[in-house]
Each structure stands twice: as C-alpha cells, then as structure tokens.
Amino acid sequence: MNGIFILGTTGEGPALSRRAQEEMIHGSCEAAGARVPVLVGVTHPSFADAVALARASRAAGASAVVTAGPVYFPVAQPQLEAYTRRFADASPLPVFVYNMPSHTHAFFEAETVARLAEHGNIAGLKDSSGQIMYLENCRAATAHRRDFTLMTGPEEMMAECVMNGIHGGVNGGSNLFPALYVALYKAAARGDLDAVRPLRARVLDISRRLYNAGTYGSSYLQGIKCAASVMGLCSDVLAAPYERFGPAEKETIAAHVREIQAELGGS
C-alpha cells in the first residue's frame, strides 16, 4: 500500500517549531483525506513533546507515528529499547522505529529491533543506514511477526531490498517523480528483473543529477527542495541551519529536472 511520510529527514521535521510541525500534521492529513495512510515523524529531544506530537497526529487522523528515539544524548541499546517501549506505551497510534544513525548517532541493533517487535504497538522499522545486510538481519529477526513492516530509506537500494523480502521504501525522490518510484517498487515486488533494470537505472540517474549539485552533506536535501521548487511543488526555503542553493546550483538543478521530465515523458 502506498502512503505519505511527513516530518522525517527530507521533511526537515526535527528542525521545525512545534507550531509548524502541528500545522504540517493537520494540513497533510486533511489533504490526504484518509485516501492513503499518513505516517508522522515525531522524533524530538523531549519525550513529552514526542508524545504530544503523537497525540496531535491521532487527533488529525494520521495512521501511525515514526520515532528515531532520543536525540542529542548518546544512548546504549538497553536505554534505546526502554525509551522506545515507553514511547510505544504512551503513543495513541502504532509506532514505527526509525533507524537513522548518521543523524541521531544511535543504531537500533537487529536484536533490539527483534525485542521491540514483541511490543503490540510497534508496527515496523524504517531503516536509513544504507546497510542491506542489516535489513536482512532485521527481517530474519522479526520473521515471527508477519505483520511487522520493514522499509528502506535510500532509494538507490530500494529495488534490491524489496526483491529480498523487505516490504517497501520511503524514498526522497518519490516526492518529485512518484510514478517512477511506484513503478520500480511494483516491478521489484513482482520479481520482474527485466522491468526493474531500466527503472532502477533512472532512479540512480536522478540521485546522481539532483543530490550532488552542492559541496556539503546537505546537498541531498538542498537538491530535493530546489528540484521541488523548480517543478512548482513548494518553495526551496530550508529550515536553519541550511540555506537554499545559489543561482548557479539552481540553474544546474533546473536543467537536470527538465531533462529528467523529458526522459520520463513529461511526468
């Protein structure tokens, strides 16, 4: 099933004010109109604020919430597990664990994920570590829960993951070219290698052209927002500390977007 994930990394969720987060939750749920599930990122340094965002998500009509655990403070696996269990106990919505070690500096080990999967209100895992073997280990460790959903973040490896039993992907590029990413997912889910190869090649090309125009680690996020603005989807303004691309990078992105749209038939 397709869905929408808001206030994650690409959505700059942790950088937004509480007011902006709640406005995004209500606006997104209203726009979705219950046609597809809406998953809300509620990662916050404050446990109380994370729970409050979960409650706001429930009131707005969201389907589930996503937490990467506590941020800023280093945590050991027992602390990470205890925090997530406590959050799942308090959340009025099903909880997805978000493994994002490059940003949170906390890694949900496969054994920890397996134990968390025993909790009735923890529905799945979104992994953005970029480690296929880690996801495979999580799949094996949670096989006893047939309803536990596993998703990958990096779009460059989504097809391989799905063909190896992972349930789907939460991919930044799908904000720009959703039809392409849905087609790739469906082909991978069917195990249709002939269909997967050209679609995956296009996804990798998008990654090369749009996510590397800058010189910093934020180039991915700047590229996504810049491309979205070129396509008329939203502004290219980013939350602090990041800044939008300058004229040269923006023109490069605009040229790439025009080329990609022409290659995809104008989509």
C-alpha atoms as a PDB file:
ATOM      1  CA  MET A   1       0.000   0.000   0.000  1.00  0.00           C
ATOM      2  CA  ASN A   2       1.214   3.486  -0.832  1.00  0.00           C
ATOM      3  CA  GLY A   3       1.314   6.194   1.817  1.00  0.00           C
ATOM      4  CA  ILE A   4       2.781   9.505   2.934  1.00  0.00           C
ATOM      5  CA  PHE A   5       5.551  10.056   5.472  1.00  0.00           C
ATOM      6  CA  ILE A   6       5.836  13.610   6.792  1.00  0.00           C
ATOM      7  CA  LEU A   7       8.255  15.343   9.178  1.00  0.00           C
ATOM      8  CA  GLY A   8      11.058  12.892   8.507  1.00  0.00           C
ATOM      9  CA  THR A   9      14.550  13.758   7.317  1.00  0.00           C
ATOM     10  CA  THR A  10      13.520  15.031   3.884  1.00  0.00           C
ATOM     11  CA  GLY A  11      10.603  16.832   5.533  1.00  0.00           C
ATOM     12  CA  GLU A  12      13.040  18.565   7.918  1.00  0.00           C
ATOM     13  CA  GLY A  13      10.787  17.576  10.809  1.00  0.00           C
ATOM     14  CA  PRO A  14      13.251  17.865  13.713  1.00  0.00           C
ATOM     15  CA  ALA A  15      14.256  21.395  12.598  1.00  0.00           C
ATOM     16  CA  LEU A  16      10.738  22.828  12.653  1.00  0.00           C
ATOM     17  CA  SER A  17       8.987  24.567  15.514  1.00  0.00           C
ATOM     18  CA  ARG A  18       6.232  22.738  17.378  1.00  0.00           C
ATOM     19  CA  ARG A  19       3.662  25.045  15.780  1.00  0.00           C
ATOM     20  CA  ALA A  20       4.984  24.349  12.279  1.00  0.00           C
ATOM     21  CA  GLN A  21       5.020  20.609  12.973  1.00  0.00           C
ATOM     22  CA  GLU A  22       1.386  20.619  14.083  1.00  0.00           C
ATOM     23  CA  GLU A  23       0.349  22.739  11.098  1.00  0.00           C
ATOM     24  CA  MET A  24       2.085  20.244   8.823  1.00  0.00           C
ATOM     25  CA  ILE A  25       0.335  17.325  10.524  1.00  0.00           C
ATOM     26  CA  HIS A  26      -3.129  18.843  10.207  1.00  0.00           C
ATOM     27  CA  GLY A  27      -2.594  20.107   6.650  1.00  0.00           C
ATOM     28  CA  SER A  28      -1.187  16.804   5.406  1.00  0.00           C
ATOM     29  CA  CYS A  29      -3.918  14.687   6.980  1.00  0.00           C
ATOM     30  CA  GLU A  30      -6.573  16.997   5.592  1.00  0.00           C
ATOM     31  CA  ALA A  31      -5.056  16.840   2.100  1.00  0.00           C
ATOM     32  CA  ALA A  32      -4.742  13.041   2.242  1.00  0.00           C
ATOM     33  CA  GLY A  33      -8.371  12.746   3.254  1.00  0.00           C
ATOM     34  CA  ALA A  34      -7.906   9.189   4.543  1.00  0.00           C
ATOM     35  CA  ARG A  35      -7.218   8.002   0.982  1.00  0.00           C
ATOM     36  CA  VAL A  36      -3.761   6.781   1.976  1.00  0.00           C
ATOM     37  CA  PRO A  37      -2.046   6.245   5.339  1.00  0.00           C
ATOM     38  CA  VAL A  38      -0.159   9.223   6.764  1.00  0.00           C
ATOM     39  CA  LEU A  39       2.876   8.432   8.922  1.00  0.00           C
ATOM     40  CA  VAL A  40       4.189  11.293  11.037  1.00  0.00           C
ATOM     41  CA  GLY A  41       7.754  11.736  12.233  1.00  0.00           C
ATOM     42  CA  VAL A  42       7.627  12.689  15.922  1.00  0.00           C
ATOM     43  CA  THR A  43      11.323  12.464  16.812  1.00  0.00           C
ATOM     44  CA  HIS A  44      12.060  15.055  19.491  1.00  0.00           C
ATOM     45  CA  PRO A  45      14.679  15.534  22.239  1.00  0.00           C
ATOM     46  CA  SER A  46      11.822  15.822  24.751  1.00  0.00           C
ATOM     47  CA  PHE A  47       9.862  12.645  25.464  1.00  0.00           C
ATOM     48  CA  ALA A  48       6.827  14.688  26.500  1.00  0.00           C
ATOM     49  CA  ASP A  49       6.849  16.682  23.245  1.00  0.00           C
ATOM     50  CA  ALA A  50       7.236  13.494  21.190  1.00  0.00           C
ATOM     51  CA  VAL A  51       4.156  12.032  22.880  1.00  0.00           C
ATOM     52  CA  ALA A  52       2.277  15.318  22.407  1.00  0.00           C
ATOM     53  CA  LEU A  53       3.047  15.196  18.667  1.00  0.00           C
ATOM     54  CA  ALA A  54       1.784  11.607  18.571  1.00  0.00           C
ATOM     55  CA  ARG A  55      -1.463  12.739  20.180  1.00  0.00           C
ATOM     56  CA  ALA A  56      -1.767  15.620  17.720  1.00  0.00           C
ATOM     57  CA  SER A  57      -1.232  13.129  14.900  1.00  0.00           C
ATOM     58  CA  ARG A  58      -4.014  10.917  16.226  1.00  0.00           C
ATOM     59  CA  ALA A  59      -6.382  13.859  16.507  1.00  0.00           C
ATOM     60  CA  ALA A  60      -5.610  14.924  12.927  1.00  0.00           C
ATOM     61  CA  GLY A  61      -6.342  11.449  11.535  1.00  0.00           C
ATOM     62  CA  ALA A  62      -2.834  10.094  10.924  1.00  0.00           C
ATOM     63  CA  SER A  63      -2.303   6.338  10.727  1.00  0.00           C
ATOM     64  CA  ALA A  64       0.985   5.906  12.603  1.00  0.00           C
ATOM     65  CA  VAL A  65       3.956   7.778  14.030  1.00  0.00           C
ATOM     66  CA  VAL A  66       7.672   7.309  13.467  1.00  0.00           C
ATOM     67  CA  THR A  67      10.360   7.804  16.109  1.00  0.00           C
ATOM     68  CA  ALA A  68      14.133   7.699  15.845  1.00  0.00           C
ATOM     69  CA  GLY A  69      14.382   7.661  19.619  1.00  0.00           C
ATOM     70  CA  PRO A  70      16.007  10.332  21.773  1.00  0.00           C
ATOM     71  CA  VAL A  71      18.414  12.680  20.022  1.00  0.00           C
ATOM     72  CA  TYR A  72      21.458  14.615  21.221  1.00  0.00           C
ATOM     73  CA  PHE A  73      22.298  12.385  24.195  1.00  0.00           C
ATOM     74  CA  PRO A  74      24.245   9.171  23.486  1.00  0.00           C
ATOM     75  CA  VAL A  75      22.289   6.047  24.420  1.00  0.00           C
ATOM     76  CA  ALA A  76      23.153   2.389  24.870  1.00  0.00           C
ATOM     77  CA  GLN A  77      20.940  -0.353  23.462  1.00  0.00           C
ATOM     78  CA  PRO A  78      19.099  -1.026  26.762  1.00  0.00           C
ATOM     79  CA  GLN A  79      18.311   2.690  27.067  1.00  0.00           C
ATOM     80  CA  LEU A  80      17.220   2.917  23.442  1.00  0.00           C
ATOM     81  CA  GLU A  81      14.958  -0.101  23.842  1.00  0.00           C
ATOM     82  CA  ALA A  82      13.476   1.156  27.119  1.00  0.00           C
ATOM     83  CA  TYR A  83      12.807   4.601  25.636  1.00  0.00           C
ATOM     84  CA  THR A  84      11.085   3.139  22.582  1.00  0.00           C
ATOM     85  CA  ARG A  85       8.947   0.786  24.657  1.00  0.00           C
ATOM     86  CA  ARG A  86       7.911   3.652  26.912  1.00  0.00           C
ATOM     87  CA  PHE A  87       7.047   5.775  23.892  1.00  0.00           C
ATOM     88  CA  ALA A  88       5.039   2.926  22.328  1.00  0.00           C
ATOM     89  CA  ASP A  89       3.144   2.533  25.603  1.00  0.00           C
ATOM     90  CA  ALA A  90       2.237   6.232  25.559  1.00  0.00           C
ATOM     91  CA  SER A  91       1.501   6.628  21.841  1.00  0.00           C
ATOM     92  CA  PRO A  92      -2.144   6.542  20.769  1.00  0.00           C
ATOM     93  CA  LEU A  93      -1.034   5.411  17.298  1.00  0.00           C
ATOM     94  CA  PRO A  94       1.075   2.475  16.059  1.00  0.00           C
ATOM     95  CA  VAL A  95       4.782   3.239  16.159  1.00  0.00           C
ATOM     96  CA  PHE A  96       7.453   2.725  13.518  1.00  0.00           C
ATOM     97  CA  VAL A  97      11.070   2.676  14.653  1.00  0.00           C
ATOM     98  CA  TYR A  98      13.325   4.906  12.529  1.00  0.00           C
ATOM     99  CA  ASN A  99      16.944   3.772  12.323  1.00  0.00           C
ATOM    100  CA  MET A 100      18.853   6.866  11.183  1.00  0.00           C
ATOM    101  CA  PRO A 101      22.339   6.528  12.729  1.00  0.00           C
ATOM    102  CA  SER A 102      24.020   9.189  10.569  1.00  0.00           C
ATOM    103  CA  HIS A 103      21.728  11.827  12.105  1.00  0.00           C
ATOM    104  CA  THR A 104      20.879  10.512  15.565  1.00  0.00           C
ATOM    105  CA  HIS A 105      24.146   8.660  16.338  1.00  0.00           C
ATOM    106  CA  ALA A 106      22.010   5.855  17.747  1.00  0.00           C
ATOM    107  CA  PHE A 107      21.780   2.494  15.998  1.00  0.00           C
ATOM    108  CA  PHE A 108      18.876   0.123  16.615  1.00  0.00           C
ATOM    109  CA  GLU A 109      20.684  -3.215  16.531  1.00  0.00           C
ATOM    110  CA  ALA A 110      18.810  -6.112  14.901  1.00  0.00           C
ATOM    111  CA  GLU A 111      18.473  -7.864  18.263  1.00  0.00           C
ATOM    112  CA  THR A 112      16.937  -4.698  19.728  1.00  0.00           C
ATOM    113  CA  VAL A 113      14.509  -4.471  16.806  1.00  0.00           C
ATOM    114  CA  ALA A 114      13.531  -8.116  17.375  1.00  0.00           C
ATOM    115  CA  ARG A 115      12.710  -7.440  21.018  1.00  0.00           C
ATOM    116  CA  LEU A 116      10.811  -4.260  20.154  1.00  0.00           C
ATOM    117  CA  ALA A 117       8.789  -6.240  17.620  1.00  0.00           C
ATOM    118  CA  GLU A 118       7.280  -8.112  20.562  1.00  0.00           C
ATOM    119  CA  HIS A 119       5.532  -4.901  21.612  1.00  0.00           C
ATOM    120  CA  GLY A 120       1.978  -4.858  20.317  1.00  0.00           C
ATOM    121  CA  ASN A 121       2.045  -1.148  19.393  1.00  0.00           C
ATOM    122  CA  ILE A 122       5.323  -1.229  17.442  1.00  0.00           C
ATOM    123  CA  ALA A 123       4.382  -1.845  13.828  1.00  0.00           C
ATOM    124  CA  GLY A 124       7.644  -1.775  11.903  1.00  0.00           C
ATOM    125  CA  LEU A 125      11.031  -0.322  11.079  1.00  0.00           C
ATOM    126  CA  LYS A 126      12.231   2.290   8.624  1.00  0.00           C
ATOM    127  CA  ASP A 127      15.964   1.913   8.114  1.00  0.00           C
ATOM    128  CA  SER A 128      18.160   4.597   6.582  1.00  0.00           C
ATOM    129  CA  SER A 129      21.513   3.095   7.499  1.00  0.00           C
ATOM    130  CA  GLY A 130      22.132   2.017   3.904  1.00  0.00           C
ATOM    131  CA  GLN A 131      23.188  -1.467   5.036  1.00  0.00           C
ATOM    132  CA  ILE A 132      21.393  -4.223   3.148  1.00  0.00           C
ATOM    133  CA  MET A 133      22.761  -6.909   5.457  1.00  0.00           C
ATOM    134  CA  TYR A 134      21.378  -5.066   8.480  1.00  0.00           C
ATOM    135  CA  LEU A 135      17.904  -5.056   6.953  1.00  0.00           C
ATOM    136  CA  GLU A 136      18.251  -8.744   6.107  1.00  0.00           C
ATOM    137  CA  ASN A 137      19.181  -9.440   9.732  1.00  0.00           C
ATOM    138  CA  CYS A 138      16.157  -7.469  10.913  1.00  0.00           C
ATOM    139  CA  ARG A 139      13.930  -9.380   8.513  1.00  0.00           C
ATOM    140  CA  ALA A 140      15.167 -12.695   9.885  1.00  0.00           C
ATOM    141  CA  ALA A 141      14.918 -11.492  13.493  1.00  0.00           C
ATOM    142  CA  THR A 142      11.306 -10.331  13.107  1.00  0.00           C
ATOM    143  CA  ALA A 143      10.042 -13.189  10.941  1.00  0.00           C
ATOM    144  CA  HIS A 144       7.866 -14.364  13.827  1.00  0.00           C
ATOM    145  CA  ARG A 145       5.728 -11.226  13.414  1.00  0.00           C
ATOM    146  CA  ARG A 146       4.173 -11.453   9.992  1.00  0.00           C
ATOM    147  CA  ASP A 147       2.581  -8.007  10.354  1.00  0.00           C
ATOM    148  CA  PHE A 148       5.855  -6.231  11.170  1.00  0.00           C
ATOM    149  CA  THR A 149       6.695  -3.870   8.286  1.00  0.00           C
ATOM    150  CA  LEU A 150      10.260  -3.268   7.116  1.00  0.00           C
ATOM    151  CA  MET A 151      11.082  -0.299   4.883  1.00  0.00           C
ATOM    152  CA  THR A 152      14.301   1.120   3.478  1.00  0.00           C
ATOM    153  CA  GLY A 153      15.152   4.791   3.104  1.00  0.00           C
ATOM    154  CA  PRO A 154      17.911   5.011   0.452  1.00  0.00           C
ATOM    155  CA  GLU A 155      16.196   4.831  -2.921  1.00  0.00           C
ATOM    156  CA  GLU A 156      19.353   3.575  -4.605  1.00  0.00           C
ATOM    157  CA  MET A 157      18.891   0.191  -2.883  1.00  0.00           C
ATOM    158  CA  MET A 158      15.099   0.009  -2.683  1.00  0.00           C
ATOM    159  CA  ALA A 159      14.654  -2.469  -5.548  1.00  0.00           C
ATOM    160  CA  GLU A 160      17.239  -4.909  -4.186  1.00  0.00           C
ATOM    161  CA  CYS A 161      15.705  -4.728  -0.726  1.00  0.00           C
ATOM    162  CA  VAL A 162      12.154  -5.354  -1.947  1.00  0.00           C
ATOM    163  CA  MET A 163      13.277  -8.264  -4.093  1.00  0.00           C
ATOM    164  CA  ASN A 164      14.830  -9.761  -0.956  1.00  0.00           C
ATOM    165  CA  GLY A 165      11.715  -9.577   1.179  1.00  0.00           C
ATOM    166  CA  ILE A 166      11.689  -6.005   2.500  1.00  0.00           C
ATOM    167  CA  HIS A 167       8.216  -4.530   2.273  1.00  0.00           C
ATOM    168  CA  GLY A 168       8.906  -1.158   0.661  1.00  0.00           C
ATOM    169  CA  GLY A 169      10.763   2.125   0.628  1.00  0.00           C
ATOM    170  CA  VAL A 170      10.413   5.685   1.871  1.00  0.00           C
ATOM    171  CA  ASN A 171      12.343   7.486  -0.853  1.00  0.00           C
ATOM    172  CA  GLY A 172      13.088  11.189  -1.182  1.00  0.00           C
ATOM    173  CA  GLY A 173      12.879  11.193  -4.969  1.00  0.00           C
ATOM    174  CA  SER A 174       9.296   9.953  -4.864  1.00  0.00           C
ATOM    175  CA  ASN A 175       8.310  13.471  -3.829  1.00  0.00           C
ATOM    176  CA  LEU A 176       9.350  14.567  -7.319  1.00  0.00           C
ATOM    177  CA  PHE A 177       8.581  11.613  -9.582  1.00  0.00           C
ATOM    178  CA  PRO A 178       6.129   9.380  -7.689  1.00  0.00           C
ATOM    179  CA  ALA A 179       5.028   7.352 -10.711  1.00  0.00           C
ATOM    180  CA  LEU A 180       8.601   6.211 -11.384  1.00  0.00           C
ATOM    181  CA  TYR A 181       9.199   5.065  -7.816  1.00  0.00           C
ATOM    182  CA  VAL A 182       5.849   3.281  -7.581  1.00  0.00           C
ATOM    183  CA  ALA A 183       6.599   1.508 -10.869  1.00  0.00           C
ATOM    184  CA  LEU A 184      10.012   0.425  -9.576  1.00  0.00           C
ATOM    185  CA  TYR A 185       8.516  -0.847  -6.328  1.00  0.00           C
ATOM    186  CA  LYS A 186       5.829  -2.833  -8.148  1.00  0.00           C
ATOM    187  CA  ALA A 187       8.338  -4.366 -10.560  1.00  0.00           C
ATOM    188  CA  ALA A 188      10.611  -5.343  -7.659  1.00  0.00           C
ATOM    189  CA  ALA A 189       7.689  -6.792  -5.695  1.00  0.00           C
ATOM    190  CA  ARG A 190       6.817  -8.939  -8.739  1.00  0.00           C
ATOM    191  CA  GLY A 191      10.430 -10.015  -9.087  1.00  0.00           C
ATOM    192  CA  ASP A 192      10.421  -8.725 -12.672  1.00  0.00           C
ATOM    193  CA  LEU A 193      14.128  -8.130 -13.308  1.00  0.00           C
ATOM    194  CA  ASP A 194      13.591  -7.004 -16.899  1.00  0.00           C
ATOM    195  CA  ALA A 195      11.312  -4.215 -15.691  1.00  0.00           C
ATOM    196  CA  VAL A 196      13.444  -3.384 -12.646  1.00  0.00           C
ATOM    197  CA  ARG A 197      16.706  -2.742 -14.513  1.00  0.00           C
ATOM    198  CA  PRO A 198      15.710   0.325 -16.589  1.00  0.00           C
ATOM    199  CA  LEU A 199      13.588   1.804 -13.794  1.00  0.00           C
ATOM    200  CA  ARG A 200      16.377   1.415 -11.255  1.00  0.00           C
ATOM    201  CA  ALA A 201      18.818   2.991 -13.724  1.00  0.00           C
ATOM    202  CA  ARG A 202      16.564   6.065 -13.900  1.00  0.00           C
ATOM    203  CA  VAL A 203      16.384   6.289 -10.103  1.00  0.00           C
ATOM    204  CA  LEU A 204      20.182   6.090  -9.841  1.00  0.00           C
ATOM    205  CA  ASP A 205      20.473   8.779 -12.522  1.00  0.00           C
ATOM    206  CA  ILE A 206      18.143  11.060 -10.545  1.00  0.00           C
ATOM    207  CA  SER A 207      20.295  10.504  -7.478  1.00  0.00           C
ATOM    208  CA  ARG A 208      23.454  11.445  -9.367  1.00  0.00           C
ATOM    209  CA  ARG A 209      21.970  14.511 -11.045  1.00  0.00           C
ATOM    210  CA  LEU A 210      19.905  16.067  -8.269  1.00  0.00           C
ATOM    211  CA  TYR A 211      21.581  15.145  -4.980  1.00  0.00           C
ATOM    212  CA  ASN A 212      25.158  16.137  -5.698  1.00  0.00           C
ATOM    213  CA  ALA A 213      24.959  19.691  -7.021  1.00  0.00           C
ATOM    214  CA  GLY A 214      26.421  21.169  -3.835  1.00  0.00           C
ATOM    215  CA  THR A 215      29.589  20.517  -1.897  1.00  0.00           C
ATOM    216  CA  TYR A 216      28.224  19.662   1.548  1.00  0.00           C
ATOM    217  CA  GLY A 217      26.438  16.755   3.194  1.00  0.00           C
ATOM    218  CA  SER A 218      23.237  18.774   2.940  1.00  0.00           C
ATOM    219  CA  SER A 219      23.364  18.635  -0.889  1.00  0.00           C
ATOM    220  CA  TYR A 220      20.741  15.870  -0.945  1.00  0.00           C
ATOM    221  CA  LEU A 221      18.219  17.962   0.950  1.00  0.00           C
ATOM    222  CA  GLN A 222      19.077  21.146  -0.935  1.00  0.00           C
ATOM    223  CA  GLY A 223      18.738  19.273  -4.226  1.00  0.00           C
ATOM    224  CA  ILE A 224      15.327  17.823  -3.350  1.00  0.00           C
ATOM    225  CA  LYS A 225      13.924  21.177  -2.247  1.00  0.00           C
ATOM    226  CA  CYS A 226      15.443  23.007  -5.210  1.00  0.00           C
ATOM    227  CA  ALA A 227      14.026  20.483  -7.689  1.00  0.00           C
ATOM    228  CA  ALA A 228      10.629  20.652  -5.986  1.00  0.00           C
ATOM    229  CA  SER A 229      10.625  24.444  -6.310  1.00  0.00           C
ATOM    230  CA  VAL A 230      11.608  24.250  -9.986  1.00  0.00           C
ATOM    231  CA  MET A 231       8.651  21.899 -10.518  1.00  0.00           C
ATOM    232  CA  GLY A 232       6.301  24.287  -8.728  1.00  0.00           C
ATOM    233  CA  LEU A 233       5.654  21.937  -5.817  1.00  0.00           C
ATOM    234  CA  CYS A 234       6.907  24.126  -2.977  1.00  0.00           C
ATOM    235  CA  SER A 235       9.419  26.801  -2.033  1.00  0.00           C
ATOM    236  CA  ASP A 236      13.117  25.959  -1.889  1.00  0.00           C
ATOM    237  CA  VAL A 237      13.485  27.572   1.560  1.00  0.00           C
ATOM    238  CA  LEU A 238      15.081  25.217   4.091  1.00  0.00           C
ATOM    239  CA  ALA A 239      14.946  25.258   7.868  1.00  0.00           C
ATOM    240  CA  ALA A 240      18.042  26.583   9.621  1.00  0.00           C
ATOM    241  CA  PRO A 241      20.941  25.912   9.572  1.00  0.00           C
ATOM    242  CA  TYR A 242      20.664  25.055   5.887  1.00  0.00           C
ATOM    243  CA  GLU A 243      20.299  27.546   3.062  1.00  0.00           C
ATOM    244  CA  ARG A 244      18.838  27.213  -0.410  1.00  0.00           C
ATOM    245  CA  PHE A 245      21.098  26.744  -3.416  1.00  0.00           C
ATOM    246  CA  GLY A 246      22.515  29.811  -5.130  1.00  0.00           C
ATOM    247  CA  PRO A 247      21.754  30.769  -8.774  1.00  0.00           C
ATOM    248  CA  ALA A 248      24.424  28.528 -10.322  1.00  0.00           C
ATOM    249  CA  GLU A 249      23.348  25.371  -8.496  1.00  0.00           C
ATOM    250  CA  LYS A 250      19.695  26.182  -9.057  1.00  0.00           C
ATOM    251  CA  GLU A 251      20.204  26.501 -12.805  1.00  0.00           C
ATOM    252  CA  THR A 252      22.053  23.176 -12.836  1.00  0.00           C
ATOM    253  CA  ILE A 253      19.186  21.512 -10.976  1.00  0.00           C
ATOM    254  CA  ALA A 254      16.599  23.176 -13.243  1.00  0.00           C
ATOM    255  CA  ALA A 255      18.366  21.864 -16.343  1.00  0.00           C
ATOM    256  CA  HIS A 256      18.515  18.360 -14.894  1.00  0.00           C
ATOM    257  CA  VAL A 257      14.836  18.461 -13.945  1.00  0.00           C
ATOM    258  CA  ARG A 258      13.869  19.459 -17.488  1.00  0.00           C
ATOM    259  CA  GLU A 259      15.963  16.628 -18.909  1.00  0.00           C
ATOM    260  CA  ILE A 260      14.544  14.058 -16.484  1.00  0.00           C
ATOM    261  CA  GLN A 261      10.967  15.166 -17.158  1.00  0.00           C
ATOM    262  CA  ALA A 262      11.545  14.842 -20.901  1.00  0.00           C
ATOM    263  CA  GLU A 263      13.038  11.367 -20.442  1.00  0.00           C
ATOM    264  CA  LEU A 264      10.075  10.322 -18.309  1.00  0.00           C
ATOM    265  CA  GLY A 265       7.588  11.636 -20.810  1.00  0.00           C
ATOM    266  CA  GLY A 266       6.804  14.905 -19.068  1.00  0.00           C
ATOM    267  CA  SER A 267       5.846  13.415 -15.697  1.00  0.00           C
END
